[in-house]
Amino acid sequence: MSAKTRLGRLVKRLETEHEEGLTNAQLMLTNDDLKPVEPARRTWGPWNFVGFWIADSFNINTWMISSSMIIAGLSWWQSWLCVWIGYFFAASFICATGRIGATYHIGFPVVARSSFGIWGSLWPVFNRAGMACVWYGVQSWIGGECIYLMIRSVWTAFEDVPNTFPDSVGTTTKYFVSFFIFWLISLPAIWFPVHQIRHLFTFKAFVVPIAGFAFFGWSVHKAGGLGPIVHQPNTVHGSTLAWAFVSGIMSSIANFATLVVNDPDFTRFATKPSDSLWSQLISIPCSFALTSFVGIIVSSSSMVIYKEAIWNPLSLLERFVQEGGSGNRAGVFFISAAFALAQLGTNIAANSVSAGSDTTALLPRFINIRRGGYLCATVGLAMCPWKLLSTTNNFTLYLSSYSVFLSSIAGVMLCDYYVVRKGYLEIRSLYTARKSAPYYYTYGIHWRAYVAYVAGILINVVGFAGAIGRKVPIGATYIYNVNFFAGFLVSSAVYWGLCKVSPIPACAETWTEVGDEITEVRLAEDDGDSSGYDVEGGRKEEGKGGEVHRQGYGTDAY
């Protein structure tokens, strides 16, 4: 057997599962994980989404964000109001992007092709994949802190394990070992496909809230009741208070910046579009507000108990275990175990699945969601997540800075779908690199989208320089304080304006969604069908529900 033949067989074995008959160009654009979800895998009903968000809300990161508002000087009720407002806006954005996936059953990487172009979508996808890998490391580090508390509760001598790391590393041996243990036990969960892991979220939605409220009651009891906690006033006033309030709202939104753009990765498994609408719009603000309330009260209790603000609830648990006693150790062990489960579920839902979906689009011939998830875990291990969590300033600065990039992506995507195209997408054209296809634009890149994307970033650049210590005009600081809205609105407006001046193909005059009849999409180019979308079991007439403007791309465009 020749070396060329052996190489060919190796490449074939490394390829992901995909439809037969695809061209080499299509193999760079699709595999079975990127295709529209067929009816058999559309198993997520409304209660699955409710359970998903309840489970996702009970994680340490949510507590830390709400707790950081207390550290910034807000009172408990001011912090909680920030949470309600922020997560309501986040839920609205989530539902807007999620509808695209629920209607056409496609994930974020494919949705991005309609607005950024077949090849131009790779940069937004890479951005989102990078963010998911970073967050995987951060959530794993927090999960490792849970493991540390579990071990220390059982084996008190673990606290005295010698540190073999130099100070420059920024962590110690015992914490890194705990981090690695959590990372290791997370690997089997990445193996399961997305439509099956909903059961993990259901289980987490029952177990973790019990532990959260147990921690809540324990902290209130140690503080001598709610009275001493809720009577603590805000420590900032005037304009400082106003901007701290705005910052609290934006931190809540920034916590969702990643999920805003890639919610289609989950909603594409919805049984029908309505299943992902009200379930998410109601459950997100309610569940996150409830979790944040627990975090706010627990963080505020530290001021009463220890006369200092402890923004990380795990640090507060560590104080409890330091007090000694079998009761304290048992309580810390079970609460930490539940929080470790919370971190595992959040990491799978928000990070490994997202990174898997995104990296699949970067190299679909060889990467599927499962392989992408393991790649994400590898990057999460290699980075230094503890550095981001060293102070509240590092943590909130990172959140707000990266949301700048994601807000511009969301602005272009939502304006393209809702305002410019009015809900009309040609599914098969999203999987072809033919120059005559409507989403190929110029060399596969949509220049209008990129001009809008850059504009949305530029509006925040000067303010970001101020956030890292540079002297900038006060106006730029004010704009950066509302960075997600600034980036979203500017990118949306610029994109809309450019599409009005220079119209794009495959748009509808009136609202025209044609995803309801998609059952099984065939993508092979030799099947004799050249329409914009292909379904088994029937085809919706083109233009039904509104005239479709293809502008030079007739029915033979494919």
Protein backbone atom coordinates (compact mmCIF):
# COMPACT_ATOMS: atom_id res chain seq x y z
CA MET A 1 0.00 0.00 0.00
CA SER A 2 1.44 3.35 -1.04
CA ALA A 3 2.04 6.19 1.41
CA LYS A 4 -0.56 8.28 -0.43
CA THR A 5 -3.19 5.56 0.00
CA ARG A 6 -2.39 5.19 3.70
CA LEU A 7 -2.62 8.96 4.14
CA GLY A 8 -5.97 9.00 2.34
CA ARG A 9 -7.35 6.28 4.60
CA LEU A 10 -6.13 8.12 7.69
CA VAL A 11 -7.81 11.33 6.55
CA LYS A 12 -11.01 9.40 5.88
CA ARG A 13 -10.98 7.90 9.37
CA LEU A 14 -10.45 11.33 10.94
CA GLU A 15 -13.37 12.89 9.06
CA THR A 16 -16.56 13.62 10.96
CA GLU A 17 -19.91 12.15 9.97
CA HIS A 18 -21.41 13.97 7.02
CA GLU A 19 -23.79 13.56 4.13
CA GLU A 20 -22.48 11.62 1.15
CA GLY A 21 -21.86 13.43 -2.14
CA LEU A 22 -20.61 16.74 -0.71
CA THR A 23 -17.99 18.69 -2.62
CA ASN A 24 -14.63 19.55 -1.03
CA ALA A 25 -15.83 23.13 -0.51
CA GLN A 26 -18.97 21.89 1.25
CA LEU A 27 -16.89 19.65 3.49
CA MET A 28 -15.34 22.87 4.79
CA LEU A 29 -18.83 24.17 5.57
CA THR A 30 -20.85 21.32 7.00
CA ASN A 31 -21.06 18.04 8.86
CA ASP A 32 -23.93 16.32 10.64
CA ASP A 33 -23.58 18.59 13.69
CA LEU A 34 -23.92 21.73 11.56
CA LYS A 35 -26.91 20.64 9.48
CA PRO A 36 -30.40 21.74 10.51
CA VAL A 37 -31.68 19.53 13.32
CA GLU A 38 -34.04 16.85 12.07
CA PRO A 39 -37.41 16.31 13.86
CA ALA A 40 -36.18 13.23 15.77
CA ARG A 41 -33.71 15.38 17.72
CA ARG A 42 -36.04 18.33 18.34
CA THR A 43 -36.73 17.18 21.88
CA TRP A 44 -36.53 20.41 23.91
CA GLY A 45 -39.95 21.52 25.13
CA PRO A 46 -40.68 24.68 27.17
CA TRP A 47 -40.01 22.98 30.51
CA ASN A 48 -36.61 21.82 29.29
CA PHE A 49 -35.68 25.46 28.71
CA VAL A 50 -37.05 26.44 32.12
CA GLY A 51 -35.00 23.71 33.77
CA PHE A 52 -31.97 24.69 31.68
CA TRP A 53 -31.99 28.30 32.92
CA ILE A 54 -32.83 27.43 36.52
CA ALA A 55 -29.91 25.04 36.49
CA ASP A 56 -27.65 27.57 34.76
CA SER A 57 -28.55 30.36 37.18
CA PHE A 58 -27.37 28.44 40.23
CA ASN A 59 -23.66 28.79 39.69
CA ILE A 60 -20.97 30.60 41.62
CA ASN A 61 -20.35 33.09 38.82
CA THR A 62 -23.91 34.46 39.14
CA TRP A 63 -23.37 34.89 42.88
CA MET A 64 -20.06 36.66 42.33
CA ILE A 65 -21.53 39.18 39.90
CA SER A 66 -24.35 40.14 42.26
CA SER A 67 -21.96 40.16 45.22
CA SER A 68 -19.57 42.48 43.38
CA MET A 69 -22.35 45.10 43.33
CA ILE A 70 -22.32 45.07 47.14
CA ILE A 71 -18.56 45.56 47.06
CA ALA A 72 -19.10 48.50 44.66
CA GLY A 73 -21.17 50.24 47.35
CA LEU A 74 -24.80 49.40 46.55
CA SER A 75 -27.28 48.28 49.18
CA TRP A 76 -28.87 44.85 48.91
CA TRP A 77 -32.10 46.12 47.30
CA GLN A 78 -30.27 48.37 44.85
CA SER A 79 -28.13 45.42 43.78
CA TRP A 80 -31.20 43.24 43.38
CA LEU A 81 -32.95 45.87 41.26
CA CYS A 82 -29.88 45.97 38.99
CA VAL A 83 -30.17 42.22 38.60
CA TRP A 84 -33.86 42.28 37.63
CA ILE A 85 -33.33 45.02 35.03
CA GLY A 86 -30.12 43.56 33.63
CA TYR A 87 -31.38 40.01 33.24
CA PHE A 88 -34.67 41.16 31.74
CA PHE A 89 -32.73 42.90 28.97
CA ALA A 90 -30.50 39.84 28.63
CA ALA A 91 -33.57 37.58 28.32
CA SER A 92 -34.98 39.81 25.57
CA PHE A 93 -31.76 39.54 23.57
CA ILE A 94 -31.62 35.79 24.21
CA CYS A 95 -35.16 35.28 22.90
CA ALA A 96 -34.43 37.40 19.82
CA THR A 97 -31.43 35.33 18.73
CA GLY A 98 -32.96 32.08 19.97
CA ARG A 99 -35.95 32.44 17.67
CA ILE A 100 -33.70 32.10 14.63
CA GLY A 101 -32.43 28.74 15.82
CA ALA A 102 -35.86 27.54 16.93
CA THR A 103 -37.42 28.46 13.56
CA TYR A 104 -34.77 27.19 11.16
CA HIS A 105 -33.13 24.64 13.50
CA ILE A 106 -29.62 25.93 12.82
CA GLY A 107 -26.92 26.97 15.27
CA PHE A 108 -25.07 30.26 15.70
CA PRO A 109 -22.19 29.45 13.28
CA VAL A 110 -24.67 28.88 10.44
CA VAL A 111 -26.87 31.86 11.38
CA ALA A 112 -23.78 34.09 11.26
CA ARG A 113 -23.19 33.11 7.61
CA SER A 114 -26.34 34.94 6.52
CA SER A 115 -25.11 38.26 7.97
CA PHE A 116 -21.29 38.02 7.85
CA GLY A 117 -20.88 35.83 4.75
CA ILE A 118 -19.95 32.21 4.20
CA TRP A 119 -16.28 32.77 5.06
CA GLY A 120 -16.69 36.08 6.85
CA SER A 121 -18.63 34.28 9.61
CA LEU A 122 -15.45 32.51 10.72
CA TRP A 123 -14.17 35.53 12.66
CA PRO A 124 -17.31 35.99 14.82
CA VAL A 125 -17.38 32.23 15.36
CA PHE A 126 -13.71 32.24 16.37
CA ASN A 127 -14.43 35.11 18.78
CA ARG A 128 -17.24 33.17 20.41
CA ALA A 129 -15.17 29.97 20.55
CA GLY A 130 -12.31 31.82 22.23
CA MET A 131 -14.65 33.31 24.80
CA ALA A 132 -16.13 29.86 25.52
CA CYS A 133 -12.66 28.39 26.10
CA VAL A 134 -11.75 31.20 28.49
CA TRP A 135 -15.02 30.79 30.38
CA TYR A 136 -14.51 27.02 30.53
CA GLY A 137 -11.25 27.63 32.34
CA VAL A 138 -12.82 30.18 34.70
CA GLN A 139 -15.77 27.95 35.57
CA SER A 140 -13.45 24.97 36.00
CA TRP A 141 -11.29 26.97 38.38
CA ILE A 142 -14.35 27.88 40.44
CA GLY A 143 -15.37 24.22 40.35
CA GLY A 144 -11.88 23.36 41.56
CA GLU A 145 -12.41 25.65 44.56
CA CYS A 146 -15.52 23.59 45.34
CA ILE A 147 -13.42 20.42 45.19
CA TYR A 148 -10.85 22.05 47.48
CA LEU A 149 -13.53 22.77 50.08
CA MET A 150 -14.90 19.24 49.81
CA ILE A 151 -11.46 17.72 50.38
CA ARG A 152 -10.64 20.11 53.20
CA SER A 153 -13.95 19.34 54.92
CA VAL A 154 -13.04 15.67 55.05
CA TRP A 155 -9.25 15.91 55.33
CA THR A 156 -8.30 18.97 57.36
CA ALA A 157 -4.57 18.36 56.77
CA PHE A 158 -5.10 19.23 53.09
CA GLU A 159 -4.71 22.86 54.10
CA ASP A 160 -1.10 22.14 55.07
CA VAL A 161 -0.06 20.57 51.76
CA PRO A 162 3.29 22.21 50.81
CA ASN A 163 3.22 24.66 47.92
CA THR A 164 5.61 23.69 45.13
CA PHE A 165 4.69 26.59 42.81
CA PRO A 166 6.65 29.87 42.70
CA ASP A 167 4.83 33.07 43.65
CA SER A 168 4.84 34.21 40.02
CA VAL A 169 2.36 31.46 39.10
CA GLY A 170 -0.38 33.11 41.14
CA THR A 171 -1.77 29.97 42.74
CA THR A 172 -0.74 27.14 45.05
CA THR A 173 -0.35 23.40 44.69
CA LYS A 174 -3.47 22.48 46.67
CA TYR A 175 -5.70 24.77 44.61
CA PHE A 176 -4.23 23.65 41.31
CA VAL A 177 -4.65 19.98 42.23
CA SER A 178 -8.30 20.67 43.09
CA PHE A 179 -8.74 22.49 39.79
CA PHE A 180 -7.23 19.56 37.88
CA ILE A 181 -9.49 17.05 39.66
CA PHE A 182 -12.58 19.03 38.67
CA TRP A 183 -11.30 19.39 35.10
CA LEU A 184 -10.69 15.65 34.92
CA ILE A 185 -14.11 14.56 36.21
CA SER A 186 -15.77 16.97 33.76
CA LEU A 187 -14.43 15.18 30.68
CA PRO A 188 -16.98 12.31 30.55
CA ALA A 189 -19.89 14.80 30.49
CA ILE A 190 -18.59 16.30 27.21
CA TRP A 191 -19.14 12.97 25.46
CA PHE A 192 -22.95 13.11 25.39
CA PRO A 193 -24.80 14.81 22.48
CA VAL A 194 -26.64 18.09 23.08
CA HIS A 195 -30.18 16.73 22.74
CA GLN A 196 -29.50 14.22 25.55
CA ILE A 197 -27.86 16.43 28.18
CA ARG A 198 -31.15 18.15 29.06
CA HIS A 199 -31.53 15.49 31.77
CA LEU A 200 -28.38 16.80 33.50
CA PHE A 201 -29.94 20.26 33.72
CA THR A 202 -33.19 18.83 35.10
CA PHE A 203 -31.28 17.00 37.84
CA LYS A 204 -29.19 20.08 38.62
CA ALA A 205 -32.32 22.26 38.76
CA PHE A 206 -33.61 20.17 41.67
CA VAL A 207 -30.40 19.54 43.62
CA VAL A 208 -28.46 22.81 43.50
CA PRO A 209 -31.22 25.23 44.63
CA ILE A 210 -31.64 23.15 47.80
CA ALA A 211 -27.97 23.66 48.62
CA GLY A 212 -28.18 27.34 47.70
CA PHE A 213 -31.05 28.01 50.07
CA ALA A 214 -29.34 25.95 52.77
CA PHE A 215 -26.31 28.25 52.44
CA PHE A 216 -28.65 31.24 52.52
CA GLY A 217 -30.29 30.09 55.76
CA TRP A 218 -26.95 29.23 57.33
CA SER A 219 -25.50 32.68 56.56
CA VAL A 220 -28.57 34.52 57.81
CA HIS A 221 -28.49 32.47 61.03
CA LYS A 222 -24.82 33.32 61.61
CA ALA A 223 -25.57 37.00 60.97
CA GLY A 224 -28.32 36.98 63.60
CA GLY A 225 -31.23 37.20 61.18
CA LEU A 226 -32.09 39.24 58.09
CA GLY A 227 -32.46 42.49 60.00
CA PRO A 228 -28.77 43.32 60.43
CA ILE A 229 -28.18 42.41 56.78
CA VAL A 230 -30.94 44.35 55.04
CA HIS A 231 -30.43 47.46 57.15
CA GLN A 232 -26.92 47.98 55.79
CA PRO A 233 -27.04 51.16 53.67
CA ASN A 234 -25.31 51.86 50.38
CA THR A 235 -21.82 53.29 50.79
CA VAL A 236 -21.77 55.46 47.65
CA HIS A 237 -23.98 58.44 46.86
CA GLY A 238 -24.91 60.94 44.15
CA SER A 239 -23.53 60.39 40.66
CA THR A 240 -21.21 57.66 41.95
CA LEU A 241 -24.28 55.75 43.11
CA ALA A 242 -26.00 56.27 39.75
CA TRP A 243 -23.06 54.95 37.77
CA ALA A 244 -22.56 52.04 40.19
CA PHE A 245 -26.21 51.18 39.51
CA VAL A 246 -25.63 51.33 35.75
CA SER A 247 -22.50 49.25 36.12
CA GLY A 248 -24.49 46.62 38.02
CA ILE A 249 -27.04 46.39 35.22
CA MET A 250 -24.34 46.13 32.57
CA SER A 251 -22.48 43.43 34.55
CA SER A 252 -25.66 41.34 34.54
CA ILE A 253 -26.02 41.77 30.78
CA ALA A 254 -22.31 41.09 30.24
CA ASN A 255 -22.76 37.80 32.07
CA PHE A 256 -25.07 36.82 29.18
CA ALA A 257 -23.10 38.40 26.33
CA THR A 258 -21.79 35.03 25.19
CA LEU A 259 -25.15 33.27 25.34
CA VAL A 260 -26.90 36.13 23.52
CA VAL A 261 -25.09 35.33 20.28
CA ASN A 262 -25.13 31.55 20.51
CA ASP A 263 -28.56 30.77 21.99
CA PRO A 264 -29.49 29.24 18.59
CA ASP A 265 -27.09 26.40 19.47
CA PHE A 266 -29.72 25.26 22.00
CA THR A 267 -33.00 26.56 20.61
CA ARG A 268 -32.44 24.67 17.35
CA PHE A 269 -33.42 21.58 19.35
CA ALA A 270 -36.80 23.14 20.29
CA THR A 271 -39.89 21.21 19.26
CA LYS A 272 -41.39 24.44 17.93
CA PRO A 273 -40.37 28.14 18.09
CA SER A 274 -42.86 29.08 20.81
CA ASP A 275 -41.30 26.51 23.15
CA SER A 276 -38.19 28.66 23.48
CA LEU A 277 -39.87 32.07 23.68
CA TRP A 278 -41.92 32.57 26.84
CA SER A 279 -40.05 29.86 28.70
CA GLN A 280 -36.80 31.81 28.33
CA LEU A 281 -38.25 35.31 28.64
CA ILE A 282 -39.79 34.48 32.02
CA SER A 283 -37.39 31.93 33.47
CA ILE A 284 -34.16 33.88 32.85
CA PRO A 285 -34.91 37.03 34.89
CA CYS A 286 -36.83 35.11 37.56
CA SER A 287 -34.27 32.35 38.12
CA PHE A 288 -31.23 34.62 37.95
CA ALA A 289 -32.87 37.22 40.18
CA LEU A 290 -33.66 34.56 42.76
CA THR A 291 -30.12 33.17 42.65
CA SER A 292 -28.66 36.67 42.80
CA PHE A 293 -30.82 37.51 45.80
CA VAL A 294 -29.32 34.56 47.65
CA GLY A 295 -25.83 35.71 46.59
CA ILE A 296 -26.50 39.31 47.62
CA ILE A 297 -27.77 38.35 51.07
CA VAL A 298 -24.97 35.85 51.63
CA SER A 299 -22.35 38.43 50.59
CA SER A 300 -23.99 41.08 52.76
CA SER A 301 -24.00 38.69 55.70
CA SER A 302 -20.21 38.59 55.61
CA MET A 303 -20.18 42.27 56.57
CA VAL A 304 -22.19 41.44 59.67
CA ILE A 305 -20.36 38.22 60.59
CA TYR A 306 -16.74 39.13 59.80
CA LYS A 307 -16.88 42.92 59.41
CA GLU A 308 -15.54 42.69 55.86
CA ALA A 309 -17.08 42.21 52.42
CA ILE A 310 -16.48 38.75 50.97
CA TRP A 311 -17.60 38.76 47.37
CA ASN A 312 -16.81 35.10 46.62
CA PRO A 313 -19.29 32.75 48.39
CA LEU A 314 -16.69 29.99 48.37
CA SER A 315 -14.37 32.22 50.40
CA LEU A 316 -17.20 32.61 52.89
CA LEU A 317 -17.62 28.82 53.05
CA GLU A 318 -13.90 28.56 53.70
CA ARG A 319 -14.32 30.88 56.68
CA PHE A 320 -17.06 28.58 57.96
CA VAL A 321 -14.86 25.49 57.75
CA GLN A 322 -11.99 27.35 59.44
CA GLU A 323 -14.20 27.74 62.50
CA GLY A 324 -14.03 23.98 62.93
CA GLY A 325 -16.65 21.57 64.15
CA SER A 326 -18.16 18.51 62.50
CA GLY A 327 -21.37 20.36 61.70
CA ASN A 328 -19.54 23.10 59.84
CA ARG A 329 -17.45 20.60 57.91
CA ALA A 330 -20.49 18.51 56.92
CA GLY A 331 -22.43 21.57 55.83
CA VAL A 332 -19.53 22.91 53.77
CA PHE A 333 -18.97 19.50 52.17
CA PHE A 334 -22.54 19.04 50.92
CA ILE A 335 -22.97 22.65 49.79
CA SER A 336 -19.61 22.54 47.97
CA ALA A 337 -20.57 19.25 46.30
CA ALA A 338 -23.81 20.80 45.01
CA PHE A 339 -21.91 23.84 43.78
CA ALA A 340 -19.42 21.57 41.99
CA LEU A 341 -22.39 20.00 40.19
CA ALA A 342 -23.62 23.51 39.39
CA GLN A 343 -20.28 24.42 37.84
CA LEU A 344 -20.22 21.19 35.84
CA GLY A 345 -23.66 21.82 34.35
CA THR A 346 -22.87 25.45 33.55
CA ASN A 347 -19.57 24.52 31.95
CA ILE A 348 -21.21 21.96 29.69
CA ALA A 349 -24.18 24.15 28.75
CA ALA A 350 -22.56 27.52 28.28
CA ASN A 351 -19.02 26.61 27.34
CA SER A 352 -18.14 23.16 26.02
CA VAL A 353 -21.27 22.86 23.84
CA SER A 354 -20.82 26.42 22.58
CA ALA A 355 -17.12 25.97 21.88
CA GLY A 356 -17.87 22.61 20.25
CA SER A 357 -20.47 24.15 17.95
CA ASP A 358 -18.17 27.01 17.04
CA THR A 359 -15.00 25.02 16.43
CA THR A 360 -17.06 22.61 14.34
CA ALA A 361 -17.76 25.49 11.96
CA LEU A 362 -14.08 26.39 11.83
CA LEU A 363 -13.07 22.94 10.55
CA PRO A 364 -16.21 20.83 10.05
CA ARG A 365 -14.49 18.12 8.04
CA PHE A 366 -12.50 17.02 11.10
CA ILE A 367 -14.15 18.62 14.15
CA ASN A 368 -17.60 17.89 15.52
CA ILE A 369 -19.24 19.18 18.70
CA ARG A 370 -17.73 16.42 20.84
CA ARG A 371 -14.18 16.96 19.58
CA GLY A 372 -14.60 20.72 19.85
CA GLY A 373 -15.72 20.30 23.46
CA TYR A 374 -12.55 18.41 24.32
CA LEU A 375 -10.48 21.03 22.51
CA CYS A 376 -12.20 23.66 24.66
CA ALA A 377 -11.37 21.70 27.81
CA THR A 378 -7.71 21.52 26.76
CA VAL A 379 -7.50 25.28 26.27
CA GLY A 380 -9.28 25.82 29.58
CA LEU A 381 -6.62 23.74 31.31
CA ALA A 382 -3.73 25.54 29.58
CA MET A 383 -4.85 29.10 30.47
CA CYS A 384 -4.52 30.74 33.90
CA PRO A 385 -8.16 31.34 34.95
CA TRP A 386 -7.28 32.19 38.56
CA LYS A 387 -5.74 35.46 37.40
CA LEU A 388 -9.13 36.70 36.16
CA LEU A 389 -10.69 35.96 39.54
CA SER A 390 -7.98 37.52 41.68
CA THR A 391 -10.00 40.71 42.26
CA THR A 392 -13.46 42.03 41.48
CA ASN A 393 -11.88 44.64 39.19
CA ASN A 394 -10.18 42.02 37.02
CA PHE A 395 -13.36 40.00 36.81
CA THR A 396 -15.78 42.81 35.92
CA LEU A 397 -13.28 44.45 33.53
CA TYR A 398 -12.92 41.21 31.61
CA LEU A 399 -16.69 40.77 31.43
CA SER A 400 -17.34 44.27 30.13
CA SER A 401 -14.42 44.37 27.69
CA TYR A 402 -15.33 41.17 25.87
CA SER A 403 -19.01 42.05 25.74
CA VAL A 404 -17.97 44.94 23.47
CA PHE A 405 -17.01 42.50 20.72
CA LEU A 406 -20.03 40.26 21.20
CA SER A 407 -22.54 43.13 21.28
CA SER A 408 -21.42 44.21 17.80
CA ILE A 409 -21.88 40.67 16.51
CA ALA A 410 -25.37 40.49 18.04
CA GLY A 411 -26.28 43.89 16.59
CA VAL A 412 -25.42 42.81 13.04
CA MET A 413 -27.10 39.39 13.35
CA LEU A 414 -30.40 40.66 14.77
CA CYS A 415 -30.64 43.63 12.42
CA ASP A 416 -29.96 41.34 9.46
CA TYR A 417 -32.63 38.80 10.44
CA TYR A 418 -35.42 40.99 11.83
CA VAL A 419 -35.06 44.30 9.98
CA VAL A 420 -33.28 43.63 6.68
CA ARG A 421 -34.38 40.08 5.76
CA LYS A 422 -37.61 40.09 7.78
CA GLY A 423 -37.15 36.49 8.86
CA TYR A 424 -36.38 34.99 5.46
CA LEU A 425 -33.41 32.60 5.13
CA GLU A 426 -32.48 30.23 2.32
CA ILE A 427 -31.18 27.22 4.20
CA ARG A 428 -29.24 25.39 1.49
CA SER A 429 -27.48 28.57 0.44
CA LEU A 430 -25.95 28.75 3.91
CA TYR A 431 -23.96 25.60 3.10
CA THR A 432 -22.47 26.46 -0.27
CA ALA A 433 -19.38 28.41 -1.32
CA ARG A 434 -20.63 29.06 -4.87
CA LYS A 435 -20.00 32.64 -5.89
CA SER A 436 -23.56 32.97 -7.24
CA ALA A 437 -25.11 32.11 -3.86
CA PRO A 438 -26.82 34.97 -1.96
CA TYR A 439 -24.63 34.67 1.16
CA TYR A 440 -21.31 34.56 -0.65
CA TYR A 441 -21.19 38.36 -1.06
CA THR A 442 -17.59 39.45 -1.92
CA TYR A 443 -15.07 36.61 -1.73
CA GLY A 444 -17.32 35.03 0.89
CA ILE A 445 -17.18 38.08 3.17
CA HIS A 446 -19.96 40.58 3.77
CA TRP A 447 -18.27 43.96 3.89
CA ARG A 448 -21.38 45.79 5.19
CA ALA A 449 -21.46 43.53 8.24
CA TYR A 450 -17.80 44.12 8.96
CA VAL A 451 -18.07 47.89 8.65
CA ALA A 452 -20.97 47.79 11.13
CA TYR A 453 -19.10 45.39 13.41
CA VAL A 454 -16.02 47.62 13.55
CA ALA A 455 -18.19 50.71 14.13
CA GLY A 456 -19.81 49.01 17.11
CA ILE A 457 -16.39 48.30 18.58
CA LEU A 458 -14.92 51.74 17.88
CA ILE A 459 -17.66 53.50 19.85
CA ASN A 460 -16.29 51.77 22.97
CA VAL A 461 -12.55 51.70 22.30
CA VAL A 462 -11.67 55.03 23.95
CA GLY A 463 -13.77 54.21 27.00
CA PHE A 464 -12.06 50.83 27.31
CA ALA A 465 -8.69 52.59 27.37
CA GLY A 466 -10.02 54.60 30.31
CA ALA A 467 -11.14 51.42 32.07
CA ILE A 468 -7.57 50.07 32.03
CA GLY A 469 -6.13 53.27 33.47
CA ARG A 470 -5.56 55.65 30.55
CA LYS A 471 -6.74 59.27 30.75
CA VAL A 472 -9.71 59.72 28.40
CA PRO A 473 -12.57 62.24 27.97
CA ILE A 474 -15.40 61.77 30.45
CA GLY A 475 -17.88 61.32 27.59
CA ALA A 476 -16.02 58.22 26.40
CA THR A 477 -16.20 56.82 29.92
CA TYR A 478 -19.96 57.37 30.03
CA ILE A 479 -20.39 55.58 26.70
CA TYR A 480 -18.26 52.66 27.87
CA ASN A 481 -20.37 52.38 31.00
CA VAL A 482 -23.23 51.27 28.72
CA ASN A 483 -20.90 49.39 26.38
CA PHE A 484 -23.21 46.54 25.38
CA PHE A 485 -26.05 48.85 24.36
CA ALA A 486 -23.66 51.27 22.64
CA GLY A 487 -22.05 48.53 20.59
CA PHE A 488 -25.34 46.86 19.76
CA LEU A 489 -27.16 50.02 18.69
CA VAL A 490 -24.29 51.45 16.64
CA SER A 491 -23.60 48.20 14.78
CA SER A 492 -27.32 47.69 14.10
CA ALA A 493 -27.82 51.23 12.83
CA VAL A 494 -24.74 51.18 10.59
CA TYR A 495 -25.67 47.79 9.15
CA TRP A 496 -29.25 48.89 8.42
CA GLY A 497 -28.02 52.10 6.78
CA LEU A 498 -25.52 50.30 4.55
CA CYS A 499 -28.13 47.75 3.46
CA LYS A 500 -30.52 50.58 2.56
CA VAL A 501 -27.89 52.32 0.46
CA SER A 502 -26.53 49.09 -1.01
CA PRO A 503 -29.30 46.42 -0.88
CA ILE A 504 -28.45 42.76 -0.33
CA PRO A 505 -30.03 39.67 -1.93
CA ALA A 506 -32.54 37.17 -0.52
CA CYS A 507 -34.69 39.59 1.48
CA ALA A 508 -38.47 39.70 1.96
CA GLU A 509 -40.79 42.69 1.69
CA THR A 510 -42.92 41.51 4.60
CA TRP A 511 -42.35 39.09 7.46
CA THR A 512 -41.57 35.72 5.84
CA GLU A 513 -40.23 32.84 7.92
CA VAL A 514 -40.08 29.58 5.99
CA GLY A 515 -38.50 27.30 8.55
CA ASP A 516 -41.68 25.57 9.67
CA GLU A 517 -41.59 22.95 6.91
CA ILE A 518 -37.95 21.93 7.25
CA THR A 519 -37.72 18.24 8.04
CA GLU A 520 -34.59 16.79 6.43
CA VAL A 521 -32.26 19.06 4.48
CA ARG A 522 -30.18 17.54 1.67
CA LEU A 523 -27.07 19.52 0.83
CA ALA A 524 -25.36 17.49 -1.91
CA GLU A 525 -25.13 19.62 -5.04
CA ASP A 526 -25.84 16.81 -7.48
CA ASP A 527 -29.40 16.09 -6.28
CA GLY A 528 -30.93 18.14 -9.05
CA ASP A 529 -32.56 20.67 -6.75
CA SER A 530 -31.26 24.21 -6.86
CA SER A 531 -33.75 26.05 -4.70
CA GLY A 532 -32.68 28.10 -1.74
CA TYR A 533 -33.87 25.49 0.72
CA ASP A 534 -34.77 21.85 0.49
CA VAL A 535 -37.10 19.79 2.61
CA GLU A 536 -38.50 16.32 2.49
CA GLY A 537 -42.23 16.18 2.76
CA GLY A 538 -42.98 19.33 0.86
CA ARG A 539 -41.71 22.80 0.00
CA LYS A 540 -43.14 26.16 0.89
CA GLU A 541 -43.80 28.30 -2.17
CA GLU A 542 -41.21 30.99 -2.51
CA GLY A 543 -42.56 34.34 -1.44
CA LYS A 544 -45.47 32.86 0.50
CA GLY A 545 -46.24 35.30 3.27
CA GLY A 546 -44.36 38.09 1.53
CA GLU A 547 -42.55 38.84 -1.71
CA VAL A 548 -38.92 37.77 -1.68
CA HIS A 549 -36.35 39.96 -3.40
CA ARG A 550 -33.41 37.94 -4.71
CA GLN A 551 -31.82 40.74 -6.77
CA GLY A 552 -30.19 38.80 -9.52
CA TYR A 553 -30.16 35.47 -7.71
CA GLY A 554 -32.90 33.53 -9.45
CA THR A 555 -34.05 30.04 -8.65
CA ASP A 556 -30.91 28.68 -10.29
CA ALA A 557 -28.66 30.62 -7.93
CA TYR A 558 -27.63 27.50 -6.10
